[in-house]
Amino acid sequence: MFAEFAFPIFEQSIKDYHVIDDVYQPVLNPYEKGSVEHLLYAKNWVDTVQWHYEDIVRDPNIDPVAALDLKRKIDASNQVRTDMVEYIDGYFLQKYAHVQVKPNARINT
């Protein structure tokens, strides 16, 4: 099952993030660029940073200028997340391109 393959990659991404635990730290993806593992790790890293951005912006004492800057980072992060989901969808589309679709089948991503 794909979830059993992906889950340890997600866990590793979160564990690696929390070594430094800083939204501005560089990502050091251990997987080969272009591999699905690389995509999954990168996507989960972006998710992890996004969750931390959202925790920071909820601080009732945050400086309004800093909050606006962070809101823009959250918006940019959302676009990166959307793009990564598209890449992952492309992986599955290519992986299952040979499958003969039944006439009454619905295709969902």
PDB file of N, CA and C in Angstrom:
ATOM      1  N   MET A   1       0.836  -1.168   0.000  1.00  0.00           N
ATOM      2  CA  MET A   1       0.000   0.000   0.000  1.00  0.00           C
ATOM      3  C   MET A   1       0.892   1.246   0.000  1.00  0.00           C
ATOM      4  N   PHE A   2       0.486   2.256  -0.734  1.00  0.00           N
ATOM      5  CA  PHE A   2       1.300   3.463  -0.878  1.00  0.00           C
ATOM      6  C   PHE A   2       1.468   4.201   0.455  1.00  0.00           C
ATOM      7  N   ALA A   3       0.441   4.194   1.292  1.00  0.00           N
ATOM      8  CA  ALA A   3       0.529   4.885   2.576  1.00  0.00           C
ATOM      9  C   ALA A   3       1.654   4.307   3.436  1.00  0.00           C
ATOM     10  N   GLU A   4       1.845   3.002   3.398  1.00  0.00           N
ATOM     11  CA  GLU A   4       2.917   2.373   4.170  1.00  0.00           C
ATOM     12  C   GLU A   4       4.287   2.800   3.647  1.00  0.00           C
ATOM     13  N   PHE A   5       4.362   3.094   2.361  1.00  0.00           N
ATOM     14  CA  PHE A   5       5.588   3.584   1.741  1.00  0.00           C
ATOM     15  C   PHE A   5       5.820   5.055   2.117  1.00  0.00           C
ATOM     16  N   ALA A   6       4.759   5.860   2.074  1.00  0.00           N
ATOM     17  CA  ALA A   6       4.880   7.310   2.249  1.00  0.00           C
ATOM     18  C   ALA A   6       5.030   7.725   3.713  1.00  0.00           C
ATOM     19  N   PHE A   7       4.365   7.054   4.618  1.00  0.00           N
ATOM     20  CA  PHE A   7       4.317   7.492   6.012  1.00  0.00           C
ATOM     21  C   PHE A   7       5.710   7.649   6.638  1.00  0.00           C
ATOM     22  N   PRO A   8       6.635   6.703   6.472  1.00  0.00           N
ATOM     23  CA  PRO A   8       7.970   6.894   7.059  1.00  0.00           C
ATOM     24  C   PRO A   8       8.705   8.103   6.466  1.00  0.00           C
ATOM     25  N   ILE A   9       8.435   8.431   5.221  1.00  0.00           N
ATOM     26  CA  ILE A   9       9.050   9.605   4.599  1.00  0.00           C
ATOM     27  C   ILE A   9       8.514  10.869   5.266  1.00  0.00           C
ATOM     28  N   PHE A  10       7.207  10.914   5.500  1.00  0.00           N
ATOM     29  CA  PHE A  10       6.602  12.051   6.185  1.00  0.00           C
ATOM     30  C   PHE A  10       7.173  12.189   7.599  1.00  0.00           C
ATOM     31  N   GLU A  11       7.267  11.073   8.307  1.00  0.00           N
ATOM     32  CA  GLU A  11       7.809  11.104   9.666  1.00  0.00           C
ATOM     33  C   GLU A  11       9.242  11.626   9.675  1.00  0.00           C
ATOM     34  N   GLN A  12      10.040  11.195   8.689  1.00  0.00           N
ATOM     35  CA  GLN A  12      11.433  11.640   8.612  1.00  0.00           C
ATOM     36  C   GLN A  12      11.510  13.147   8.368  1.00  0.00           C
ATOM     37  N   SER A  13      10.646  13.648   7.507  1.00  0.00           N
ATOM     38  CA  SER A  13      10.608  15.078   7.220  1.00  0.00           C
ATOM     39  C   SER A  13      10.311  15.886   8.489  1.00  0.00           C
ATOM     40  N   ILE A  14       9.336  15.449   9.242  1.00  0.00           N
ATOM     41  CA  ILE A  14       8.966  16.141  10.481  1.00  0.00           C
ATOM     42  C   ILE A  14      10.101  16.054  11.505  1.00  0.00           C
ATOM     43  N   LYS A  15      10.674  14.877  11.630  1.00  0.00           N
ATOM     44  CA  LYS A  15      11.787  14.688  12.565  1.00  0.00           C
ATOM     45  C   LYS A  15      12.949  15.600  12.185  1.00  0.00           C
ATOM     46  N   ASP A  16      13.280  15.657  10.892  1.00  0.00           N
ATOM     47  CA  ASP A  16      14.384  16.502  10.435  1.00  0.00           C
ATOM     48  C   ASP A  16      14.093  17.980  10.682  1.00  0.00           C
ATOM     49  N   TYR A  17      12.855  18.399  10.457  1.00  0.00           N
ATOM     50  CA  TYR A  17      12.485  19.796  10.709  1.00  0.00           C
ATOM     51  C   TYR A  17      12.747  20.160  12.171  1.00  0.00           C
ATOM     52  N   HIS A  18      12.364  19.274  13.078  1.00  0.00           N
ATOM     53  CA  HIS A  18      12.444  19.581  14.501  1.00  0.00           C
ATOM     54  C   HIS A  18      13.853  19.493  15.076  1.00  0.00           C
ATOM     55  N   VAL A  19      14.836  19.121  14.270  1.00  0.00           N
ATOM     56  CA  VAL A  19      16.222  19.177  14.748  1.00  0.00           C
ATOM     57  C   VAL A  19      16.593  20.626  15.051  1.00  0.00           C
ATOM     58  N   ILE A  20      16.244  21.528  14.142  1.00  0.00           N
ATOM     59  CA  ILE A  20      16.505  22.962  14.337  1.00  0.00           C
ATOM     60  C   ILE A  20      15.224  23.684  14.739  1.00  0.00           C
ATOM     61  N   ASP A  21      14.098  23.245  14.216  1.00  0.00           N
ATOM     62  CA  ASP A  21      12.770  23.776  14.575  1.00  0.00           C
ATOM     63  C   ASP A  21      12.661  25.269  14.294  1.00  0.00           C
ATOM     64  N   ASP A  22      12.983  25.635  13.062  1.00  0.00           N
ATOM     65  CA  ASP A  22      12.956  27.040  12.661  1.00  0.00           C
ATOM     66  C   ASP A  22      12.381  27.123  11.249  1.00  0.00           C
ATOM     67  N   VAL A  23      11.350  27.951  11.077  1.00  0.00           N
ATOM     68  CA  VAL A  23      10.701  28.050   9.765  1.00  0.00           C
ATOM     69  C   VAL A  23      11.637  28.572   8.685  1.00  0.00           C
ATOM     70  N   TYR A  24      12.763  29.169   9.073  1.00  0.00           N
ATOM     71  CA  TYR A  24      13.689  29.736   8.089  1.00  0.00           C
ATOM     72  C   TYR A  24      14.879  28.825   7.788  1.00  0.00           C
ATOM     73  N   GLN A  25      14.913  27.646   8.384  1.00  0.00           N
ATOM     74  CA  GLN A  25      16.024  26.732   8.130  1.00  0.00           C
ATOM     75  C   GLN A  25      15.959  26.160   6.714  1.00  0.00           C
ATOM     76  N   PRO A  26      17.103  25.827   6.150  1.00  0.00           N
ATOM     77  CA  PRO A  26      17.086  25.218   4.810  1.00  0.00           C
ATOM     78  C   PRO A  26      16.600  23.767   4.887  1.00  0.00           C
ATOM     79  N   VAL A  27      15.948  23.338   3.846  1.00  0.00           N
ATOM     80  CA  VAL A  27      15.524  21.940   3.766  1.00  0.00           C
ATOM     81  C   VAL A  27      16.671  21.129   3.171  1.00  0.00           C
ATOM     82  N   LEU A  28      16.991  20.028   3.803  1.00  0.00           N
ATOM     83  CA  LEU A  28      18.030  19.110   3.324  1.00  0.00           C
ATOM     84  C   LEU A  28      17.360  17.784   2.998  1.00  0.00           C
ATOM     85  N   ASN A  29      16.759  17.733   1.834  1.00  0.00           N
ATOM     86  CA  ASN A  29      16.005  16.551   1.417  1.00  0.00           C
ATOM     87  C   ASN A  29      16.987  15.425   1.106  1.00  0.00           C
ATOM     88  N   PRO A  30      16.886  14.289   1.829  1.00  0.00           N
ATOM     89  CA  PRO A  30      17.852  13.208   1.643  1.00  0.00           C
ATOM     90  C   PRO A  30      17.582  12.316   0.425  1.00  0.00           C
ATOM     91  N   TYR A  31      16.495  12.556  -0.276  1.00  0.00           N
ATOM     92  CA  TYR A  31      16.110  11.677  -1.373  1.00  0.00           C
ATOM     93  C   TYR A  31      16.537  12.251  -2.717  1.00  0.00           C
ATOM     94  N   GLU A  32      16.714  11.367  -3.667  1.00  0.00           N
ATOM     95  CA  GLU A  32      17.175  11.756  -4.999  1.00  0.00           C
ATOM     96  C   GLU A  32      16.156  12.668  -5.682  1.00  0.00           C
ATOM     97  N   LYS A  33      16.651  13.799  -6.166  1.00  0.00           N
ATOM     98  CA  LYS A  33      15.777  14.738  -6.861  1.00  0.00           C
ATOM     99  C   LYS A  33      15.118  14.037  -8.040  1.00  0.00           C
ATOM    100  N   GLY A  34      13.822  14.265  -8.197  1.00  0.00           N
ATOM    101  CA  GLY A  34      13.066  13.627  -9.267  1.00  0.00           C
ATOM    102  C   GLY A  34      12.361  12.350  -8.829  1.00  0.00           C
ATOM    103  N   SER A  35      12.715  11.850  -7.654  1.00  0.00           N
ATOM    104  CA  SER A  35      12.061  10.628  -7.164  1.00  0.00           C
ATOM    105  C   SER A  35      10.776  10.998  -6.433  1.00  0.00           C
ATOM    106  N   VAL A  36       9.871  10.036  -6.341  1.00  0.00           N
ATOM    107  CA  VAL A  36       8.633  10.282  -5.605  1.00  0.00           C
ATOM    108  C   VAL A  36       8.937  10.500  -4.120  1.00  0.00           C
ATOM    109  N   GLU A  37       9.966   9.844  -3.622  1.00  0.00           N
ATOM    110  CA  GLU A  37      10.362  10.047  -2.231  1.00  0.00           C
ATOM    111  C   GLU A  37      10.751  11.513  -2.002  1.00  0.00           C
ATOM    112  N   HIS A  38      11.498  12.075  -2.945  1.00  0.00           N
ATOM    113  CA  HIS A  38      11.899  13.483  -2.857  1.00  0.00           C
ATOM    114  C   HIS A  38      10.670  14.385  -2.830  1.00  0.00           C
ATOM    115  N   LEU A  39       9.713  14.100  -3.696  1.00  0.00           N
ATOM    116  CA  LEU A  39       8.477  14.890  -3.735  1.00  0.00           C
ATOM    117  C   LEU A  39       7.709  14.799  -2.416  1.00  0.00           C
ATOM    118  N   LEU A  40       7.574  13.592  -1.894  1.00  0.00           N
ATOM    119  CA  LEU A  40       6.817  13.398  -0.656  1.00  0.00           C
ATOM    120  C   LEU A  40       7.485  14.095   0.519  1.00  0.00           C
ATOM    121  N   TYR A  41       8.810  13.968   0.605  1.00  0.00           N
ATOM    122  CA  TYR A  41       9.554  14.620   1.679  1.00  0.00           C
ATOM    123  C   TYR A  41       9.389  16.138   1.574  1.00  0.00           C
ATOM    124  N   ALA A  42       9.568  16.672   0.365  1.00  0.00           N
ATOM    125  CA  ALA A  42       9.462  18.113   0.152  1.00  0.00           C
ATOM    126  C   ALA A  42       8.061  18.624   0.466  1.00  0.00           C
ATOM    127  N   LYS A  43       7.046  17.899   0.038  1.00  0.00           N
ATOM    128  CA  LYS A  43       5.665  18.303   0.297  1.00  0.00           C
ATOM    129  C   LYS A  43       5.387  18.320   1.794  1.00  0.00           C
ATOM    130  N   ASN A  44       5.830  17.303   2.491  1.00  0.00           N
ATOM    131  CA  ASN A  44       5.587  17.258   3.933  1.00  0.00           C
ATOM    132  C   ASN A  44       6.391  18.334   4.668  1.00  0.00           C
ATOM    133  N   TRP A  45       7.584  18.646   4.172  1.00  0.00           N
ATOM    134  CA  TRP A  45       8.377  19.723   4.772  1.00  0.00           C
ATOM    135  C   TRP A  45       7.620  21.048   4.659  1.00  0.00           C
ATOM    136  N   VAL A  46       7.089  21.321   3.474  1.00  0.00           N
ATOM    137  CA  VAL A  46       6.320  22.544   3.259  1.00  0.00           C
ATOM    138  C   VAL A  46       5.105  22.570   4.190  1.00  0.00           C
ATOM    139  N   ASP A  47       4.429  21.444   4.330  1.00  0.00           N
ATOM    140  CA  ASP A  47       3.291  21.372   5.247  1.00  0.00           C
ATOM    141  C   ASP A  47       3.718  21.692   6.682  1.00  0.00           C
ATOM    142  N   THR A  48       4.833  21.124   7.095  1.00  0.00           N
ATOM    143  CA  THR A  48       5.321  21.323   8.460  1.00  0.00           C
ATOM    144  C   THR A  48       5.652  22.792   8.708  1.00  0.00           C
ATOM    145  N   VAL A  49       6.357  23.416   7.765  1.00  0.00           N
ATOM    146  CA  VAL A  49       6.668  24.838   7.896  1.00  0.00           C
ATOM    147  C   VAL A  49       5.379  25.658   7.924  1.00  0.00           C
ATOM    148  N   GLN A  50       4.442  25.289   7.063  1.00  0.00           N
ATOM    149  CA  GLN A  50       3.157  26.008   7.012  1.00  0.00           C
ATOM    150  C   GLN A  50       2.451  25.958   8.365  1.00  0.00           C
ATOM    151  N   TRP A  51       2.405  24.800   8.986  1.00  0.00           N
ATOM    152  CA  TRP A  51       1.749  24.676  10.296  1.00  0.00           C
ATOM    153  C   TRP A  51       2.429  25.584  11.320  1.00  0.00           C
ATOM    154  N   HIS A  52       3.752  25.650  11.253  1.00  0.00           N
ATOM    155  CA  HIS A  52       4.479  26.502  12.189  1.00  0.00           C
ATOM    156  C   HIS A  52       4.267  27.988  11.884  1.00  0.00           C
ATOM    157  N   TYR A  53       4.212  28.348  10.619  1.00  0.00           N
ATOM    158  CA  TYR A  53       3.860  29.730  10.250  1.00  0.00           C
ATOM    159  C   TYR A  53       2.518  30.107  10.879  1.00  0.00           C
ATOM    160  N   GLU A  54       1.562  29.216  10.736  1.00  0.00           N
ATOM    161  CA  GLU A  54       0.217  29.503  11.234  1.00  0.00           C
ATOM    162  C   GLU A  54       0.193  29.614  12.760  1.00  0.00           C
ATOM    163  N   ASP A  55       1.023  28.827  13.435  1.00  0.00           N
ATOM    164  CA  ASP A  55       1.131  28.970  14.890  1.00  0.00           C
ATOM    165  C   ASP A  55       1.696  30.345  15.250  1.00  0.00           C
ATOM    166  N   ILE A  56       2.715  30.783  14.527  1.00  0.00           N
ATOM    167  CA  ILE A  56       3.346  32.074  14.805  1.00  0.00           C
ATOM    168  C   ILE A  56       2.363  33.224  14.572  1.00  0.00           C
ATOM    169  N   VAL A  57       1.637  33.174  13.460  1.00  0.00           N
ATOM    170  CA  VAL A  57       0.755  34.283  13.108  1.00  0.00           C
ATOM    171  C   VAL A  57      -0.438  34.393  14.060  1.00  0.00           C
ATOM    172  N   ARG A  58      -0.756  33.324  14.779  1.00  0.00           N
ATOM    173  CA  ARG A  58      -1.868  33.360  15.739  1.00  0.00           C
ATOM    174  C   ARG A  58      -1.507  34.036  17.058  1.00  0.00           C
ATOM    175  N   ASP A  59      -0.241  34.325  17.250  1.00  0.00           N
ATOM    176  CA  ASP A  59       0.197  34.977  18.484  1.00  0.00           C
ATOM    177  C   ASP A  59      -0.511  36.329  18.618  1.00  0.00           C
ATOM    178  N   PRO A  60      -1.310  36.528  19.665  1.00  0.00           N
ATOM    179  CA  PRO A  60      -2.053  37.793  19.789  1.00  0.00           C
ATOM    180  C   PRO A  60      -1.134  39.008  19.965  1.00  0.00           C
ATOM    181  N   ASN A  61       0.111  38.774  20.313  1.00  0.00           N
ATOM    182  CA  ASN A  61       1.050  39.880  20.526  1.00  0.00           C
ATOM    183  C   ASN A  61       1.972  40.121  19.330  1.00  0.00           C
ATOM    184  N   ILE A  62       1.691  39.470  18.201  1.00  0.00           N
ATOM    185  CA  ILE A  62       2.556  39.628  17.039  1.00  0.00           C
ATOM    186  C   ILE A  62       2.474  41.061  16.510  1.00  0.00           C
ATOM    187  N   ASP A  63       3.614  41.589  16.128  1.00  0.00           N
ATOM    188  CA  ASP A  63       3.669  42.917  15.519  1.00  0.00           C
ATOM    189  C   ASP A  63       2.880  42.885  14.209  1.00  0.00           C
ATOM    190  N   PRO A  64       2.007  43.853  13.964  1.00  0.00           N
ATOM    191  CA  PRO A  64       1.194  43.842  12.742  1.00  0.00           C
ATOM    192  C   PRO A  64       2.011  43.793  11.452  1.00  0.00           C
ATOM    193  N   VAL A  65       3.150  44.461  11.421  1.00  0.00           N
ATOM    194  CA  VAL A  65       3.997  44.434  10.225  1.00  0.00           C
ATOM    195  C   VAL A  65       4.564  43.021  10.031  1.00  0.00           C
ATOM    196  N   ALA A  66       5.004  42.416  11.113  1.00  0.00           N
ATOM    197  CA  ALA A  66       5.512  41.042  11.043  1.00  0.00           C
ATOM    198  C   ALA A  66       4.398  40.082  10.639  1.00  0.00           C
ATOM    199  N   ALA A  67       3.196  40.331  11.143  1.00  0.00           N
ATOM    200  CA  ALA A  67       2.051  39.477  10.800  1.00  0.00           C
ATOM    201  C   ALA A  67       1.740  39.555   9.309  1.00  0.00           C
ATOM    202  N   LEU A  68       1.801  40.756   8.756  1.00  0.00           N
ATOM    203  CA  LEU A  68       1.543  40.915   7.326  1.00  0.00           C
ATOM    204  C   LEU A  68       2.613  40.205   6.502  1.00  0.00           C
ATOM    205  N   ASP A  69       3.865  40.338   6.915  1.00  0.00           N
ATOM    206  CA  ASP A  69       4.957  39.644   6.222  1.00  0.00           C
ATOM    207  C   ASP A  69       4.751  38.131   6.288  1.00  0.00           C
ATOM    208  N   LEU A  70       4.364  37.654   7.451  1.00  0.00           N
ATOM    209  CA  LEU A  70       4.129  36.220   7.623  1.00  0.00           C
ATOM    210  C   LEU A  70       2.922  35.762   6.811  1.00  0.00           C
ATOM    211  N   LYS A  71       1.890  36.580   6.741  1.00  0.00           N
ATOM    212  CA  LYS A  71       0.718  36.241   5.932  1.00  0.00           C
ATOM    213  C   LYS A  71       1.118  36.073   4.472  1.00  0.00           C
ATOM    214  N   ARG A  72       1.999  36.910   3.988  1.00  0.00           N
ATOM    215  CA  ARG A  72       2.488  36.770   2.606  1.00  0.00           C
ATOM    216  C   ARG A  72       3.298  35.493   2.437  1.00  0.00           C
ATOM    217  N   LYS A  73       4.075  35.134   3.448  1.00  0.00           N
ATOM    218  CA  LYS A  73       4.822  33.876   3.390  1.00  0.00           C
ATOM    219  C   LYS A  73       3.860  32.678   3.372  1.00  0.00           C
ATOM    220  N   ILE A  74       2.791  32.763   4.154  1.00  0.00           N
ATOM    221  CA  ILE A  74       1.780  31.704   4.170  1.00  0.00           C
ATOM    222  C   ILE A  74       1.130  31.580   2.800  1.00  0.00           C
ATOM    223  N   ASP A  75       0.787  32.705   2.186  1.00  0.00           N
ATOM    224  CA  ASP A  75       0.195  32.673   0.838  1.00  0.00           C
ATOM    225  C   ASP A  75       1.143  32.038  -0.165  1.00  0.00           C
ATOM    226  N   ALA A  76       2.419  32.411  -0.119  1.00  0.00           N
ATOM    227  CA  ALA A  76       3.409  31.828  -1.029  1.00  0.00           C
ATOM    228  C   ALA A  76       3.572  30.335  -0.757  1.00  0.00           C
ATOM    229  N   SER A  77       3.578  29.967   0.511  1.00  0.00           N
ATOM    230  CA  SER A  77       3.700  28.559   0.888  1.00  0.00           C
ATOM    231  C   SER A  77       2.506  27.757   0.372  1.00  0.00           C
ATOM    232  N   ASN A  78       1.317  28.342   0.441  1.00  0.00           N
ATOM    233  CA  ASN A  78       0.136  27.659  -0.086  1.00  0.00           C
ATOM    234  C   ASN A  78       0.283  27.380  -1.578  1.00  0.00           C
ATOM    235  N   GLN A  79       0.867  28.315  -2.315  1.00  0.00           N
ATOM    236  CA  GLN A  79       1.064  28.084  -3.743  1.00  0.00           C
ATOM    237  C   GLN A  79       2.070  26.963  -3.981  1.00  0.00           C
ATOM    238  N   VAL A  80       3.128  26.940  -3.200  1.00  0.00           N
ATOM    239  CA  VAL A  80       4.118  25.860  -3.312  1.00  0.00           C
ATOM    240  C   VAL A  80       3.455  24.525  -3.015  1.00  0.00           C
ATOM    241  N   ARG A  81       2.629  24.480  -1.981  1.00  0.00           N
ATOM    242  CA  ARG A  81       1.927  23.239  -1.623  1.00  0.00           C
ATOM    243  C   ARG A  81       1.022  22.782  -2.768  1.00  0.00           C
ATOM    244  N   THR A  82       0.295  23.720  -3.357  1.00  0.00           N
ATOM    245  CA  THR A  82      -0.590  23.386  -4.477  1.00  0.00           C
ATOM    246  C   THR A  82       0.216  22.834  -5.649  1.00  0.00           C
ATOM    247  N   ASP A  83       1.322  23.474  -5.966  1.00  0.00           N
ATOM    248  CA  ASP A  83       2.179  23.006  -7.063  1.00  0.00           C
ATOM    249  C   ASP A  83       2.709  21.601  -6.780  1.00  0.00           C
ATOM    250  N   MET A  84       3.093  21.341  -5.549  1.00  0.00           N
ATOM    251  CA  MET A  84       3.627  20.023  -5.203  1.00  0.00           C
ATOM    252  C   MET A  84       2.565  18.943  -5.322  1.00  0.00           C
ATOM    253  N   VAL A  85       1.337  19.259  -4.942  1.00  0.00           N
ATOM    254  CA  VAL A  85       0.252  18.292  -5.119  1.00  0.00           C
ATOM    255  C   VAL A  85       0.072  17.981  -6.605  1.00  0.00           C
ATOM    256  N   GLU A  86       0.204  18.981  -7.437  1.00  0.00           N
ATOM    257  CA  GLU A  86       0.121  18.759  -8.885  1.00  0.00           C
ATOM    258  C   GLU A  86       1.239  17.834  -9.362  1.00  0.00           C
ATOM    259  N   TYR A  87       2.452  18.024  -8.849  1.00  0.00           N
ATOM    260  CA  TYR A  87       3.565  17.140  -9.212  1.00  0.00           C
ATOM    261  C   TYR A  87       3.283  15.701  -8.766  1.00  0.00           C
ATOM    262  N   ILE A  88       2.759  15.561  -7.557  1.00  0.00           N
ATOM    263  CA  ILE A  88       2.451  14.215  -7.053  1.00  0.00           C
ATOM    264  C   ILE A  88       1.330  13.592  -7.875  1.00  0.00           C
ATOM    265  N   ASP A  89       0.316  14.370  -8.223  1.00  0.00           N
ATOM    266  CA  ASP A  89      -0.741  13.868  -9.115  1.00  0.00           C
ATOM    267  C   ASP A  89      -0.142  13.403 -10.438  1.00  0.00           C
ATOM    268  N   GLY A  90       0.813  14.171 -10.956  1.00  0.00           N
ATOM    269  CA  GLY A  90       1.480  13.793 -12.205  1.00  0.00           C
ATOM    270  C   GLY A  90       2.223  12.475 -12.076  1.00  0.00           C
ATOM    271  N   TYR A  91       2.833  12.245 -10.923  1.00  0.00           N
ATOM    272  CA  TYR A  91       3.514  10.976 -10.673  1.00  0.00           C
ATOM    273  C   TYR A  91       2.528   9.816 -10.815  1.00  0.00           C
ATOM    274  N   PHE A  92       1.362   9.943 -10.168  1.00  0.00           N
ATOM    275  CA  PHE A  92       0.372   8.869 -10.231  1.00  0.00           C
ATOM    276  C   PHE A  92      -0.224   8.732 -11.629  1.00  0.00           C
ATOM    277  N   LEU A  93      -0.432   9.836 -12.307  1.00  0.00           N
ATOM    278  CA  LEU A  93      -0.950   9.784 -13.667  1.00  0.00           C
ATOM    279  C   LEU A  93       0.007   9.013 -14.569  1.00  0.00           C
ATOM    280  N   GLN A  94       1.294   9.288 -14.435  1.00  0.00           N
ATOM    281  CA  GLN A  94       2.296   8.581 -15.234  1.00  0.00           C
ATOM    282  C   GLN A  94       2.400   7.112 -14.811  1.00  0.00           C
ATOM    283  N   LYS A  95       2.385   6.870 -13.513  1.00  0.00           N
ATOM    284  CA  LYS A  95       2.519   5.500 -12.997  1.00  0.00           C
ATOM    285  C   LYS A  95       1.395   4.595 -13.495  1.00  0.00           C
ATOM    286  N   TYR A  96       0.187   5.147 -13.579  1.00  0.00           N
ATOM    287  CA  TYR A  96      -0.965   4.336 -13.964  1.00  0.00           C
ATOM    288  C   TYR A  96      -1.473   4.647 -15.376  1.00  0.00           C
ATOM    289  N   ALA A  97      -0.635   5.242 -16.187  1.00  0.00           N
ATOM    290  CA  ALA A  97      -1.030   5.608 -17.553  1.00  0.00           C
ATOM    291  C   ALA A  97      -1.412   4.379 -18.382  1.00  0.00           C
ATOM    292  N   HIS A  98      -0.843   3.242 -18.078  1.00  0.00           N
ATOM    293  CA  HIS A  98      -1.101   2.019 -18.851  1.00  0.00           C
ATOM    294  C   HIS A  98      -2.423   1.325 -18.471  1.00  0.00           C
ATOM    295  N   VAL A  99      -3.039   1.768 -17.394  1.00  0.00           N
ATOM    296  CA  VAL A  99      -4.267   1.124 -16.924  1.00  0.00           C
ATOM    297  C   VAL A  99      -5.418   1.454 -17.876  1.00  0.00           C
ATOM    298  N   GLN A 100      -6.116   0.413 -18.274  1.00  0.00           N
ATOM    299  CA  GLN A 100      -7.277   0.582 -19.146  1.00  0.00           C
ATOM    300  C   GLN A 100      -8.458   0.989 -18.268  1.00  0.00           C
ATOM    301  N   VAL A 101      -8.968   2.179 -18.506  1.00  0.00           N
ATOM    302  CA  VAL A 101     -10.071   2.709 -17.698  1.00  0.00           C
ATOM    303  C   VAL A 101     -11.388   2.096 -18.184  1.00  0.00           C
ATOM    304  N   LYS A 102     -12.174   1.599 -17.247  1.00  0.00           N
ATOM    305  CA  LYS A 102     -13.459   1.036 -17.595  1.00  0.00           C
ATOM    306  C   LYS A 102     -14.402   2.162 -18.010  1.00  0.00           C
ATOM    307  N   PRO A 103     -15.323   1.887 -18.918  1.00  0.00           N
ATOM    308  CA  PRO A 103     -16.206   2.936 -19.445  1.00  0.00           C
ATOM    309  C   PRO A 103     -17.012   3.692 -18.387  1.00  0.00           C
ATOM    310  N   ASN A 104     -17.386   3.023 -17.313  1.00  0.00           N
ATOM    311  CA  ASN A 104     -18.207   3.678 -16.286  1.00  0.00           C
ATOM    312  C   ASN A 104     -17.385   4.167 -15.086  1.00  0.00           C
ATOM    313  N   ALA A 105     -16.060   4.157 -15.209  1.00  0.00           N
ATOM    314  CA  ALA A 105     -15.206   4.559 -14.095  1.00  0.00           C
ATOM    315  C   ALA A 105     -15.142   6.067 -13.977  1.00  0.00           C
ATOM    316  N   ARG A 106     -15.057   6.532 -12.720  1.00  0.00           N
ATOM    317  CA  ARG A 106     -14.812   7.955 -12.437  1.00  0.00           C
ATOM    318  C   ARG A 106     -13.351   8.114 -12.126  1.00  0.00           C
ATOM    319  N   ILE A 107     -12.745   9.150 -12.617  1.00  0.00           N
ATOM    320  CA  ILE A 107     -11.332   9.418 -12.325  1.00  0.00           C
ATOM    321  C   ILE A 107     -11.265  10.575 -11.351  1.00  0.00           C
ATOM    322  N   ASN A 108     -10.691  10.328 -10.184  1.00  0.00           N
ATOM    323  CA  ASN A 108     -10.511  11.352  -9.154  1.00  0.00           C
ATOM    324  C   ASN A 108      -9.047  11.417  -8.785  1.00  0.00           C
ATOM    325  N   THR A 109      -8.605  12.589  -8.405  1.00  0.00           N
ATOM    326  CA  THR A 109      -7.232  12.705  -7.886  1.00  0.00           C
ATOM    327  C   THR A 109      -7.291  13.166  -6.453  1.00  0.00           C
TER     328      THR A 109
END
